[in-house]
């Protein structure tokens, strides 16, 4: 069982009340709330295994949320998939921890979309989210004292806040990261 599957249940008392957030019931949504500029990061560290799950409105990462409509939008989507495929370029981990990526999964209706695939676009009100799950094996987990999301904020400047939930060796915690305060202590 993936450690991140239980994280929302364990941390529900730590949930941060949303500011001007709205609920939406989009069938493909991966976030409980959809607020542009805000993404969610779940972090779980158990033994030598580190798992990260990033969930974000597509607008934060792409600048749009509809199925790609032009060659330029298809190229932007392909570049995004490449960027998300390199988590070490988005999250700085201590080199001494010697963490190696052992698995990843990218999920969004946009990744499978064609020009006609997303029927909601015809009605103009759709929201698309992107979810990415990473698993790392760390050879020296004791050296894994934190992670820095500064590279993510630089790569995706439309992302202004990360709402974080963490289960680690020091217990559970919730919080928020921003470009100017992007380090999470594990």
Protein backbone atom coordinates (compact mmCIF):
# COMPACT_ATOMS: atom_id res chain seq x y z
CA UNK A 1 0.00 0.00 0.00
CA UNK A 2 1.36 3.38 -0.95
CA UNK A 3 2.14 5.52 2.04
CA UNK A 4 0.61 8.60 0.43
CA UNK A 5 -2.80 6.96 0.20
CA UNK A 6 -3.25 7.23 3.97
CA UNK A 7 -1.74 10.69 4.32
CA UNK A 8 -4.95 12.71 3.79
CA UNK A 9 -6.77 10.65 6.43
CA UNK A 10 -4.01 11.00 9.00
CA UNK A 11 -3.57 14.71 8.44
CA UNK A 12 -7.19 15.77 8.09
CA UNK A 13 -7.10 17.54 11.48
CA UNK A 14 -4.24 19.65 10.13
CA UNK A 15 -6.09 20.73 7.02
CA UNK A 16 -5.69 24.42 6.35
CA UNK A 17 -8.91 26.34 5.86
CA UNK A 18 -9.08 27.63 2.31
CA UNK A 19 -8.97 31.32 1.53
CA UNK A 20 -11.43 32.19 -1.24
CA UNK A 21 -11.31 28.60 -2.49
CA UNK A 22 -14.23 26.99 -4.22
CA UNK A 23 -15.27 23.40 -4.46
CA UNK A 24 -15.69 21.92 -7.86
CA UNK A 25 -16.88 18.56 -8.99
CA UNK A 26 -15.00 18.08 -12.22
CA UNK A 27 -14.93 14.35 -12.89
CA UNK A 28 -11.20 14.32 -13.58
CA UNK A 29 -10.17 16.56 -10.72
CA UNK A 30 -7.29 15.45 -8.56
CA UNK A 31 -7.54 18.28 -6.03
CA UNK A 32 -10.31 18.64 -3.49
CA UNK A 33 -10.18 22.42 -4.05
CA UNK A 34 -9.18 24.22 -7.19
CA UNK A 35 -7.48 27.57 -6.65
CA UNK A 36 -5.16 29.01 -9.25
CA UNK A 37 -1.71 29.76 -7.84
CA UNK A 38 -2.06 27.10 -5.14
CA UNK A 39 -0.86 23.51 -5.38
CA UNK A 40 -0.78 20.68 -2.86
CA UNK A 41 2.28 18.66 -1.90
CA UNK A 42 2.02 15.49 0.17
CA UNK A 43 5.30 14.18 1.55
CA UNK A 44 5.82 10.85 3.25
CA UNK A 45 9.12 9.55 4.58
CA UNK A 46 9.22 6.04 5.97
CA UNK A 47 12.55 4.34 6.46
CA UNK A 48 14.53 4.82 3.27
CA UNK A 49 11.47 5.58 1.11
CA UNK A 50 10.48 9.14 0.29
CA UNK A 51 7.23 9.76 -1.57
CA UNK A 52 6.08 13.08 -2.98
CA UNK A 53 2.73 13.79 -4.56
CA UNK A 54 2.16 17.13 -6.24
CA UNK A 55 -1.38 18.14 -7.25
CA UNK A 56 -1.94 21.39 -9.09
CA UNK A 57 -4.42 23.16 -11.32
CA UNK A 58 -3.06 22.88 -14.85
CA UNK A 59 -3.12 26.67 -15.15
CA UNK A 60 -0.32 26.91 -12.55
CA UNK A 61 1.96 24.72 -14.66
CA UNK A 62 0.78 25.36 -18.24
CA UNK A 63 -1.05 28.64 -18.28
CA UNK A 64 -4.21 26.92 -19.53
CA UNK A 65 -6.54 24.12 -18.43
CA UNK A 66 -8.22 23.02 -21.64
CA UNK A 67 -7.17 20.34 -24.07
CA UNK A 68 -4.39 21.73 -26.27
CA UNK A 69 -5.89 23.64 -29.16
CA UNK A 70 -2.80 24.65 -31.09
CA UNK A 71 0.63 23.35 -31.96
CA UNK A 72 2.13 25.76 -29.42
CA UNK A 73 -0.12 24.45 -26.64
CA UNK A 74 0.72 20.85 -27.56
CA UNK A 75 4.43 21.75 -27.36
CA UNK A 76 3.92 23.41 -23.97
CA UNK A 77 2.17 20.29 -22.71
CA UNK A 78 4.99 18.06 -24.01
CA UNK A 79 7.59 20.32 -22.32
CA UNK A 80 5.61 20.14 -19.08
CA UNK A 81 5.61 16.34 -19.18
CA UNK A 82 9.39 16.43 -19.66
CA UNK A 83 9.81 18.85 -16.74
CA UNK A 84 7.63 16.79 -14.46
CA UNK A 85 9.59 13.70 -15.47
CA UNK A 86 12.68 15.20 -13.79
CA UNK A 87 11.68 15.69 -10.15
CA UNK A 88 15.29 16.26 -9.09
CA UNK A 89 15.07 19.52 -11.08
CA UNK A 90 11.93 20.55 -9.15
CA UNK A 91 12.74 19.49 -5.60
CA UNK A 92 16.21 19.91 -4.09
CA UNK A 93 17.08 17.03 -1.77
CA UNK A 94 20.27 16.85 0.29
CA UNK A 95 22.98 15.16 -1.81
CA UNK A 96 24.21 13.30 1.27
CA UNK A 97 20.89 11.40 1.44
CA UNK A 98 21.69 9.84 -1.96
CA UNK A 99 18.04 9.57 -3.04
CA UNK A 100 17.31 7.85 -6.35
CA UNK A 101 14.04 8.04 -8.21
CA UNK A 102 12.48 4.56 -8.29
CA UNK A 103 9.03 5.37 -9.64
CA UNK A 104 6.83 8.11 -10.93
CA UNK A 105 3.34 8.56 -12.27
CA UNK A 106 1.93 11.58 -14.09
CA UNK A 107 -1.83 11.90 -14.25
CA UNK A 108 -4.09 14.40 -15.98
CA UNK A 109 -6.79 14.23 -18.62
CA UNK A 110 -4.64 16.69 -20.57
CA UNK A 111 -1.88 14.14 -21.08
CA UNK A 112 -4.23 11.94 -23.08
CA UNK A 113 -6.21 14.79 -24.64
CA UNK A 114 -6.61 15.33 -28.33
CA UNK A 115 -8.22 18.32 -29.99
CA UNK A 116 -11.65 16.75 -29.48
CA UNK A 117 -11.09 14.68 -26.34
CA UNK A 118 -12.19 17.06 -23.63
CA UNK A 119 -15.88 17.64 -24.18
CA UNK A 120 -16.12 20.06 -21.25
CA UNK A 121 -13.99 22.56 -23.19
CA UNK A 122 -16.83 23.14 -25.59
CA UNK A 123 -18.86 24.49 -22.68
CA UNK A 124 -16.04 26.68 -21.46
CA UNK A 125 -16.02 26.09 -17.70
CA UNK A 126 -13.74 23.15 -17.19
CA UNK A 127 -10.88 22.88 -14.73
CA UNK A 128 -8.07 20.41 -15.28
CA UNK A 129 -5.66 19.34 -12.62
CA UNK A 130 -2.33 17.59 -12.83
CA UNK A 131 -1.13 15.04 -10.31
CA UNK A 132 2.39 13.68 -10.12
CA UNK A 133 3.61 10.98 -7.75
CA UNK A 134 7.32 10.34 -7.16
CA UNK A 135 8.97 7.59 -5.14
CA UNK A 136 12.61 7.77 -4.09
CA UNK A 137 14.87 5.25 -2.37
CA UNK A 138 17.40 7.03 -0.16
CA UNK A 139 20.63 5.25 0.73
CA UNK A 140 21.29 7.55 3.68
CA UNK A 141 17.82 8.56 4.90
CA UNK A 142 19.22 10.04 8.12
CA UNK A 143 20.76 12.78 5.97
CA UNK A 144 17.36 13.60 4.48
CA UNK A 145 16.60 16.51 6.77
CA UNK A 146 14.54 18.52 4.32
CA UNK A 147 13.61 19.38 0.79
CA UNK A 148 13.55 22.67 -1.01
CA UNK A 149 10.81 23.52 -3.50
CA UNK A 150 12.56 26.68 -4.77
CA UNK A 151 13.29 25.04 -8.15
CA UNK A 152 9.57 24.27 -8.56
CA UNK A 153 8.61 27.87 -7.83
CA UNK A 154 11.20 29.08 -10.36
CA UNK A 155 10.04 26.62 -13.02
CA UNK A 156 6.35 27.45 -12.49
CA UNK A 157 6.07 31.09 -11.36
CA UNK A 158 2.24 30.95 -11.53
CA UNK A 159 2.46 28.61 -8.54
CA UNK A 160 2.61 30.95 -5.58
CA UNK A 161 1.84 28.57 -2.69
CA UNK A 162 2.23 24.90 -1.87
CA UNK A 163 -0.05 23.55 0.81
CA UNK A 164 2.00 20.78 2.41
CA UNK A 165 1.06 17.72 4.39
CA UNK A 166 3.93 15.66 5.79
CA UNK A 167 4.34 12.36 7.57
CA UNK A 168 7.94 11.85 8.61
CA UNK A 169 10.16 10.56 11.38
CA UNK A 170 9.16 13.50 13.59
CA UNK A 171 5.40 12.98 13.16
CA UNK A 172 2.75 14.71 11.15
CA UNK A 173 2.62 18.31 10.14
CA UNK A 174 0.93 20.64 7.73
CA UNK A 175 2.04 23.96 6.43
CA UNK A 176 2.61 26.17 3.48
CA UNK A 177 5.60 26.89 1.27
CA UNK A 178 6.14 29.99 -0.87
CA UNK A 179 8.90 31.11 -3.19
CA UNK A 180 10.56 33.09 -0.39
CA UNK A 181 10.05 30.31 2.18
CA UNK A 182 10.44 27.13 0.14
CA UNK A 183 12.28 24.77 2.49
CA UNK A 184 10.43 21.97 4.23
CA UNK A 185 12.12 20.33 7.21
CA UNK A 186 11.70 16.57 7.32
